[in-house]
C-alpha atoms as a PDB file:
ATOM      1  CA  MET A   1      -0.043  -0.038   0.016  1.00  0.00           C
ATOM      2  CA  HIS A   2       0.974   3.676  -0.438  1.00  0.00           C
ATOM      3  CA  GLY A   3       0.750   5.971   2.466  1.00  0.00           C
ATOM      4  CA  PRO A   4       2.290   9.389   3.415  1.00  0.00           C
ATOM      5  CA  GLY A   5       5.586   7.908   3.912  1.00  0.00           C
ATOM      6  CA  GLY A   6       5.766   5.957   0.705  1.00  0.00           C
ATOM      7  CA  TRP A   7       4.861   2.214  -0.090  1.00  0.00           C
ATOM      8  CA  PHE A   8       4.710  -0.125   2.709  1.00  0.00           C
ATOM      9  CA  PRO A   9       4.197  -3.897   2.869  1.00  0.00           C
ATOM     10  CA  VAL A  10       0.956  -5.164   4.436  1.00  0.00           C
ATOM     11  CA  CYS A  11       0.602  -8.798   3.922  1.00  0.00           C
ATOM     12  CA  ALA A  12       1.442 -11.688   1.377  1.00  0.00           C
ATOM     13  CA  LEU A  13      -1.147 -11.990  -1.458  1.00  0.00           C
ATOM     14  CA  THR A  14      -1.849 -15.534  -0.334  1.00  0.00           C
ATOM     15  CA  ALA A  15      -3.321 -14.054   2.919  1.00  0.00           C
ATOM     16  CA  LEU A  16      -6.057 -12.499   0.896  1.00  0.00           C
ATOM     17  CA  THR A  17      -8.978 -14.864   0.088  1.00  0.00           C
ATOM     18  CA  PRO A  18     -11.142 -13.751  -2.678  1.00  0.00           C
ATOM     19  CA  GLY A  19     -14.396 -12.389  -1.303  1.00  0.00           C
ATOM     20  CA  ARG A  20     -13.087 -11.928   2.292  1.00  0.00           C
ATOM     21  CA  GLY A  21     -11.462  -8.868   3.831  1.00  0.00           C
ATOM     22  CA  VAL A  22      -8.375  -8.580   5.919  1.00  0.00           C
ATOM     23  CA  ALA A  23      -7.758  -5.380   8.281  1.00  0.00           C
ATOM     24  CA  ALA A  24      -4.377  -3.781   8.292  1.00  0.00           C
ATOM     25  CA  LEU A  25      -2.903  -1.237  10.755  1.00  0.00           C
ATOM     26  CA  LEU A  26      -1.323   1.761   8.900  1.00  0.00           C
ATOM     27  CA  PRO A  27       1.859   3.568   9.925  1.00  0.00           C
ATOM     28  CA  ASP A  28      -0.336   6.511  11.031  1.00  0.00           C
ATOM     29  CA  GLY A  29      -2.519   4.450  13.333  1.00  0.00           C
ATOM     30  CA  GLY A  30      -5.468   4.186  11.048  1.00  0.00           C
ATOM     31  CA  GLN A  31      -6.850   1.046   9.645  1.00  0.00           C
ATOM     32  CA  ALA A  32      -7.306  -0.321   6.245  1.00  0.00           C
ATOM     33  CA  ALA A  33      -9.487  -2.916   4.670  1.00  0.00           C
ATOM     34  CA  LEU A  34      -8.043  -5.225   1.993  1.00  0.00           C
ATOM     35  CA  PHE A  35      -9.886  -7.121  -0.463  1.00  0.00           C
ATOM     36  CA  ARG A  36      -8.983  -9.344  -3.388  1.00  0.00           C
ATOM     37  CA  ASP A  37     -11.828 -10.051  -5.875  1.00  0.00           C
ATOM     38  CA  ARG A  38     -12.058 -13.289  -7.913  1.00  0.00           C
ATOM     39  CA  THR A  39      -9.934 -11.895 -10.823  1.00  0.00           C
ATOM     40  CA  GLY A  40      -7.123 -11.243  -8.364  1.00  0.00           C
ATOM     41  CA  THR A  41      -7.501  -7.459  -8.333  1.00  0.00           C
ATOM     42  CA  VAL A  42      -6.656  -6.039  -4.744  1.00  0.00           C
ATOM     43  CA  TYR A  43      -8.390  -3.201  -3.258  1.00  0.00           C
ATOM     44  CA  ALA A  44      -7.647  -1.072  -0.161  1.00  0.00           C
ATOM     45  CA  ILE A  45     -10.224   1.206   1.537  1.00  0.00           C
ATOM     46  CA  GLY A  46     -10.505   2.687   5.121  1.00  0.00           C
ATOM     47  CA  ASN A  47     -11.670   0.166   7.698  1.00  0.00           C
ATOM     48  CA  ARG A  48     -13.900   2.730   9.472  1.00  0.00           C
ATOM     49  CA  ASP A  49     -17.683   2.592   8.742  1.00  0.00           C
ATOM     50  CA  PRO A  50     -18.442   6.291   8.476  1.00  0.00           C
ATOM     51  CA  PHE A  51     -22.144   5.654   9.647  1.00  0.00           C
ATOM     52  CA  THR A  52     -21.150   3.995  12.905  1.00  0.00           C
ATOM     53  CA  GLY A  53     -17.481   4.703  13.549  1.00  0.00           C
ATOM     54  CA  ALA A  54     -16.638   1.142  14.001  1.00  0.00           C
ATOM     55  CA  GLN A  55     -13.561  -0.375  12.298  1.00  0.00           C
ATOM     56  CA  VAL A  56     -15.536  -3.182  10.479  1.00  0.00           C
ATOM     57  CA  LEU A  57     -15.573  -2.856   6.905  1.00  0.00           C
ATOM     58  CA  SER A  58     -13.016  -5.559   6.381  1.00  0.00           C
ATOM     59  CA  ARG A  59     -15.564  -7.837   7.810  1.00  0.00           C
ATOM     60  CA  GLY A  60     -18.333  -6.961   5.388  1.00  0.00           C
ATOM     61  CA  LEU A  61     -19.750  -8.971   2.557  1.00  0.00           C
ATOM     62  CA  THR A  62     -18.465  -8.282  -0.996  1.00  0.00           C
ATOM     63  CA  GLY A  63     -20.428  -8.168  -4.323  1.00  0.00           C
ATOM     64  CA  SER A  64     -20.875  -5.997  -7.356  1.00  0.00           C
ATOM     65  CA  ALA A  65     -23.729  -3.580  -8.475  1.00  0.00           C
ATOM     66  CA  ALA A  66     -23.586  -2.331 -11.975  1.00  0.00           C
ATOM     67  CA  GLY A  67     -20.240  -3.765 -12.606  1.00  0.00           C
ATOM     68  CA  ARG A  68     -18.782  -1.935  -9.581  1.00  0.00           C
ATOM     69  CA  PRO A  69     -17.312  -3.977  -6.758  1.00  0.00           C
ATOM     70  CA  TYR A  70     -18.374  -3.069  -3.311  1.00  0.00           C
ATOM     71  CA  VAL A  71     -18.282  -4.198   0.188  1.00  0.00           C
ATOM     72  CA  ALA A  72     -21.369  -3.951   2.524  1.00  0.00           C
ATOM     73  CA  SER A  73     -20.915  -2.875   6.008  1.00  0.00           C
ATOM     74  CA  PRO A  74     -21.664  -5.638   8.366  1.00  0.00           C
ATOM     75  CA  LEU A  75     -23.363  -3.267  10.674  1.00  0.00           C
ATOM     76  CA  LEU A  76     -26.016  -1.200   8.730  1.00  0.00           C
ATOM     77  CA  LYS A  77     -25.370  -2.691   5.261  1.00  0.00           C
ATOM     78  CA  GLN A  78     -24.417   0.423   3.241  1.00  0.00           C
ATOM     79  CA  ARG A  79     -22.447  -0.476   0.347  1.00  0.00           C
ATOM     80  CA  PHE A  80     -19.005   1.095  -0.492  1.00  0.00           C
ATOM     81  CA  ASP A  81     -17.200   0.905  -4.055  1.00  0.00           C
ATOM     82  CA  LEU A  82     -13.893  -0.827  -3.462  1.00  0.00           C
ATOM     83  CA  ALA A  83     -12.389   1.074  -6.466  1.00  0.00           C
ATOM     84  CA  GLY A  84     -13.553   4.695  -5.624  1.00  0.00           C
ATOM     85  CA  GLY A  85     -14.689   4.665  -1.832  1.00  0.00           C
ATOM     86  CA  ALA A  86     -18.116   6.153  -2.555  1.00  0.00           C
ATOM     87  CA  CYS A  87     -21.100   4.904  -0.745  1.00  0.00           C
ATOM     88  CA  LEU A  88     -23.550   3.476  -3.376  1.00  0.00           C
ATOM     89  CA  ASP A  89     -26.523   4.141  -0.723  1.00  0.00           C
ATOM     90  CA  ASP A  90     -25.583   7.653   0.286  1.00  0.00           C
ATOM     91  CA  PRO A  91     -23.649   9.713  -2.680  1.00  0.00           C
ATOM     92  CA  GLU A  92     -22.557  12.392   0.215  1.00  0.00           C
ATOM     93  CA  VAL A  93     -20.555   9.719   2.238  1.00  0.00           C
ATOM     94  CA  ALA A  94     -17.287   7.914   1.052  1.00  0.00           C
ATOM     95  CA  VAL A  95     -14.253   6.065   2.595  1.00  0.00           C
ATOM     96  CA  PRO A  96     -10.791   6.674   1.775  1.00  0.00           C
ATOM     97  CA  VAL A  97      -9.096   4.514  -0.994  1.00  0.00           C
ATOM     98  CA  TYR A  98      -5.517   3.674  -0.898  1.00  0.00           C
ATOM     99  CA  PRO A  99      -3.322   2.756  -3.927  1.00  0.00           C
ATOM    100  CA  VAL A 100      -2.237  -0.864  -3.811  1.00  0.00           C
ATOM    101  CA  ARG A 101       0.867  -2.523  -5.682  1.00  0.00           C
ATOM    102  CA  VAL A 102       1.182  -6.316  -5.690  1.00  0.00           C
ATOM    103  CA  ARG A 103       4.823  -7.593  -5.700  1.00  0.00           C
ATOM    104  CA  GLU A 104       5.304 -10.925  -7.273  1.00  0.00           C
ATOM    105  CA  ALA A 105       7.069 -13.366  -5.020  1.00  0.00           C
END
């Protein structure tokens, strides 16, 4: 992932199971939720659900709507676009999106 201090490793690609999220602690103390879809694309968004303040998005259910991959919060079920961070259910709300670089082993 890429943060304010540059790129930093988060986990091995094999730790990401398609359709399931993993939470990662960021150098600034924040959290990211990482997801790998069935095509192998990796996404990283903020783990904090903006509707509840809980760090739970990594535990949400993934899906797609109109070709857009999303994760649904496990609490109130709002869906967040994994590529852009926008809430699909409330256009005025979004979560941070982090650039991801996958290194081949």
